[in-house]
């Protein structure tokens, strides 16, 4: 994906995604990037 919607990229090591110790699913959506794809 050339325009990632995440605030920070996922960390992939040896084919596994590193699970972050933050609330939720471990990823934060960048609201400004998401706005680009909004359809009303």
PDB file of N, CA and C in Angstrom:
ATOM      1  N   UNK A   1       0.861  -1.174   0.000  1.00  0.00           N
ATOM      2  CA  UNK A   1       0.000   0.000   0.000  1.00  0.00           C
ATOM      3  C   UNK A   1       0.902   1.230   0.000  1.00  0.00           C
ATOM      4  N   UNK A   2       0.737   2.073  -0.962  1.00  0.00           N
ATOM      5  CA  UNK A   2       1.637   3.224  -1.066  1.00  0.00           C
ATOM      6  C   UNK A   2       1.226   4.378  -0.164  1.00  0.00           C
ATOM      7  N   UNK A   3      -0.041   4.476   0.201  1.00  0.00           N
ATOM      8  CA  UNK A   3      -0.508   5.544   1.085  1.00  0.00           C
ATOM      9  C   UNK A   3      -1.139   4.908   2.310  1.00  0.00           C
ATOM     10  N   UNK A   4      -0.318   4.594   3.280  1.00  0.00           N
ATOM     11  CA  UNK A   4      -0.771   3.894   4.476  1.00  0.00           C
ATOM     12  C   UNK A   4      -1.695   4.764   5.308  1.00  0.00           C
ATOM     13  N   UNK A   5      -2.749   4.208   5.848  1.00  0.00           N
ATOM     14  CA  UNK A   5      -3.703   4.949   6.676  1.00  0.00           C
ATOM     15  C   UNK A   5      -3.325   4.974   8.152  1.00  0.00           C
ATOM     16  N   UNK A   6      -2.260   4.288   8.505  1.00  0.00           N
ATOM     17  CA  UNK A   6      -1.867   4.223   9.902  1.00  0.00           C
ATOM     18  C   UNK A   6      -0.965   5.394  10.283  1.00  0.00           C
ATOM     19  N   UNK A   7      -1.086   5.819  11.536  1.00  0.00           N
ATOM     20  CA  UNK A   7      -0.237   6.900  12.036  1.00  0.00           C
ATOM     21  C   UNK A   7       1.219   6.448  12.102  1.00  0.00           C
ATOM     22  N   UNK A   8       1.431   5.168  12.413  1.00  0.00           N
ATOM     23  CA  UNK A   8       2.769   4.581  12.443  1.00  0.00           C
ATOM     24  C   UNK A   8       2.700   3.263  11.688  1.00  0.00           C
ATOM     25  N   UNK A   9       3.705   2.972  10.881  1.00  0.00           N
ATOM     26  CA  UNK A   9       3.668   1.717  10.126  1.00  0.00           C
ATOM     27  C   UNK A   9       3.736   0.491  11.038  1.00  0.00           C
ATOM     28  N   UNK A  10       3.161  -0.610  10.570  1.00  0.00           N
ATOM     29  CA  UNK A  10       3.260  -1.861  11.314  1.00  0.00           C
ATOM     30  C   UNK A  10       4.690  -2.354  11.259  1.00  0.00           C
ATOM     31  N   UNK A  11       5.126  -2.979  12.340  1.00  0.00           N
ATOM     32  CA  UNK A  11       6.468  -3.545  12.381  1.00  0.00           C
ATOM     33  C   UNK A  11       6.363  -5.034  12.064  1.00  0.00           C
ATOM     34  N   UNK A  12       7.020  -5.452  10.983  1.00  0.00           N
ATOM     35  CA  UNK A  12       7.001  -6.853  10.585  1.00  0.00           C
ATOM     36  C   UNK A  12       8.425  -7.399  10.685  1.00  0.00           C
ATOM     37  N   UNK A  13       8.587  -8.433  11.486  1.00  0.00           N
ATOM     38  CA  UNK A  13       9.890  -9.073  11.686  1.00  0.00           C
ATOM     39  C   UNK A  13       9.735 -10.572  11.492  1.00  0.00           C
ATOM     40  N   UNK A  14      10.534 -11.139  10.611  1.00  0.00           N
ATOM     41  CA  UNK A  14      10.498 -12.576  10.335  1.00  0.00           C
ATOM     42  C   UNK A  14       9.094 -13.061   9.988  1.00  0.00           C
ATOM     43  N   UNK A  15       8.348 -12.239   9.255  1.00  0.00           N
ATOM     44  CA  UNK A  15       7.006 -12.620   8.804  1.00  0.00           C
ATOM     45  C   UNK A  15       5.907 -12.452   9.831  1.00  0.00           C
ATOM     46  N   UNK A  16       6.215 -11.880  10.980  1.00  0.00           N
ATOM     47  CA  UNK A  16       5.211 -11.683  12.028  1.00  0.00           C
ATOM     48  C   UNK A  16       5.066 -10.205  12.336  1.00  0.00           C
ATOM     49  N   UNK A  17       3.832  -9.789  12.591  1.00  0.00           N
ATOM     50  CA  UNK A  17       3.573  -8.395  12.963  1.00  0.00           C
ATOM     51  C   UNK A  17       3.768  -8.252  14.465  1.00  0.00           C
ATOM     52  N   UNK A  18       4.551  -7.242  14.844  1.00  0.00           N
ATOM     53  CA  UNK A  18       4.773  -6.969  16.273  1.00  0.00           C
ATOM     54  C   UNK A  18       3.507  -6.341  16.848  1.00  0.00           C
ATOM     55  N   UNK A  19       2.984  -6.932  17.918  1.00  0.00           N
ATOM     56  CA  UNK A  19       1.787  -6.417  18.570  1.00  0.00           C
ATOM     57  C   UNK A  19       2.202  -5.304  19.522  1.00  0.00           C
ATOM     58  N   UNK A  20       1.631  -4.135  19.322  1.00  0.00           N
ATOM     59  CA  UNK A  20       1.955  -3.001  20.185  1.00  0.00           C
ATOM     60  C   UNK A  20       1.128  -3.041  21.458  1.00  0.00           C
ATOM     61  N   UNK A  21       1.660  -2.454  22.477  1.00  0.00           N
ATOM     62  CA  UNK A  21       0.964  -2.446  23.766  1.00  0.00           C
ATOM     63  C   UNK A  21       0.182  -1.151  23.927  1.00  0.00           C
ATOM     64  N   UNK A  22      -0.807  -0.972  23.053  1.00  0.00           N
ATOM     65  CA  UNK A  22      -1.718   0.164  23.151  1.00  0.00           C
ATOM     66  C   UNK A  22      -3.134  -0.387  23.135  1.00  0.00           C
ATOM     67  N   UNK A  23      -4.075   0.432  23.534  1.00  0.00           N
ATOM     68  CA  UNK A  23      -5.470  -0.003  23.578  1.00  0.00           C
ATOM     69  C   UNK A  23      -5.990  -0.330  22.183  1.00  0.00           C
ATOM     70  N   UNK A  24      -6.947  -1.227  22.121  1.00  0.00           N
ATOM     71  CA  UNK A  24      -7.575  -1.570  20.850  1.00  0.00           C
ATOM     72  C   UNK A  24      -6.816  -2.650  20.103  1.00  0.00           C
ATOM     73  N   UNK A  25      -6.780  -2.528  18.784  1.00  0.00           N
ATOM     74  CA  UNK A  25      -6.178  -3.571  17.940  1.00  0.00           C
ATOM     75  C   UNK A  25      -4.678  -3.388  17.745  1.00  0.00           C
ATOM     76  N   UNK A  26      -4.098  -2.368  18.339  1.00  0.00           N
ATOM     77  CA  UNK A  26      -2.653  -2.163  18.236  1.00  0.00           C
ATOM     78  C   UNK A  26      -2.231  -1.283  17.083  1.00  0.00           C
ATOM     79  N   UNK A  27      -3.187  -0.591  16.483  1.00  0.00           N
ATOM     80  CA  UNK A  27      -2.884   0.312  15.378  1.00  0.00           C
ATOM     81  C   UNK A  27      -3.729   1.574  15.532  1.00  0.00           C
ATOM     82  N   UNK A  28      -3.167   2.707  15.129  1.00  0.00           N
ATOM     83  CA  UNK A  28      -3.879   3.982  15.215  1.00  0.00           C
ATOM     84  C   UNK A  28      -4.071   4.513  13.799  1.00  0.00           C
ATOM     85  N   UNK A  29      -5.323   4.790  13.447  1.00  0.00           N
ATOM     86  CA  UNK A  29      -5.644   5.349  12.133  1.00  0.00           C
ATOM     87  C   UNK A  29      -5.330   6.842  12.140  1.00  0.00           C
ATOM     88  N   UNK A  30      -4.662   7.315  11.106  1.00  0.00           N
ATOM     89  CA  UNK A  30      -4.366   8.740  10.946  1.00  0.00           C
ATOM     90  C   UNK A  30      -5.610   9.418  10.358  1.00  0.00           C
ATOM     91  N   UNK A  31      -6.286  10.239  11.148  1.00  0.00           N
ATOM     92  CA  UNK A  31      -7.540  10.869  10.731  1.00  0.00           C
ATOM     93  C   UNK A  31      -7.370  11.764   9.500  1.00  0.00           C
ATOM     94  N   UNK A  32      -6.242  12.432   9.387  1.00  0.00           N
ATOM     95  CA  UNK A  32      -5.999  13.297   8.221  1.00  0.00           C
ATOM     96  C   UNK A  32      -5.879  12.472   6.945  1.00  0.00           C
ATOM     97  N   UNK A  33      -5.192  11.354   7.014  1.00  0.00           N
ATOM     98  CA  UNK A  33      -5.065  10.487   5.844  1.00  0.00           C
ATOM     99  C   UNK A  33      -6.409   9.856   5.489  1.00  0.00           C
ATOM    100  N   UNK A  34      -7.172   9.479   6.506  1.00  0.00           N
ATOM    101  CA  UNK A  34      -8.476   8.879   6.282  1.00  0.00           C
ATOM    102  C   UNK A  34      -9.431   9.866   5.609  1.00  0.00           C
ATOM    103  N   UNK A  35      -9.325  11.132   5.957  1.00  0.00           N
ATOM    104  CA  UNK A  35     -10.179  12.178   5.387  1.00  0.00           C
ATOM    105  C   UNK A  35     -10.054  12.208   3.862  1.00  0.00           C
ATOM    106  N   UNK A  36      -8.900  11.904   3.354  1.00  0.00           N
ATOM    107  CA  UNK A  36      -8.661  11.908   1.900  1.00  0.00           C
ATOM    108  C   UNK A  36      -9.618  10.956   1.170  1.00  0.00           C
ATOM    109  N   UNK A  37      -9.988   9.847   1.831  1.00  0.00           N
ATOM    110  CA  UNK A  37     -10.824   8.829   1.217  1.00  0.00           C
ATOM    111  C   UNK A  37     -12.298   8.948   1.573  1.00  0.00           C
ATOM    112  N   UNK A  38     -12.666   9.965   2.294  1.00  0.00           N
ATOM    113  CA  UNK A  38     -14.059  10.142   2.735  1.00  0.00           C
ATOM    114  C   UNK A  38     -14.989  10.345   1.540  1.00  0.00           C
ATOM    115  N   UNK A  39     -16.121   9.687   1.598  1.00  0.00           N
ATOM    116  CA  UNK A  39     -17.140   9.840   0.578  1.00  0.00           C
ATOM    117  C   UNK A  39     -18.457  10.167   1.261  1.00  0.00           C
ATOM    118  N   UNK A  40     -19.038  11.265   0.890  1.00  0.00           N
ATOM    119  CA  UNK A  40     -20.328  11.663   1.477  1.00  0.00           C
ATOM    120  C   UNK A  40     -21.449  11.431   0.501  1.00  0.00           C
TER     121      UNK A  40
END
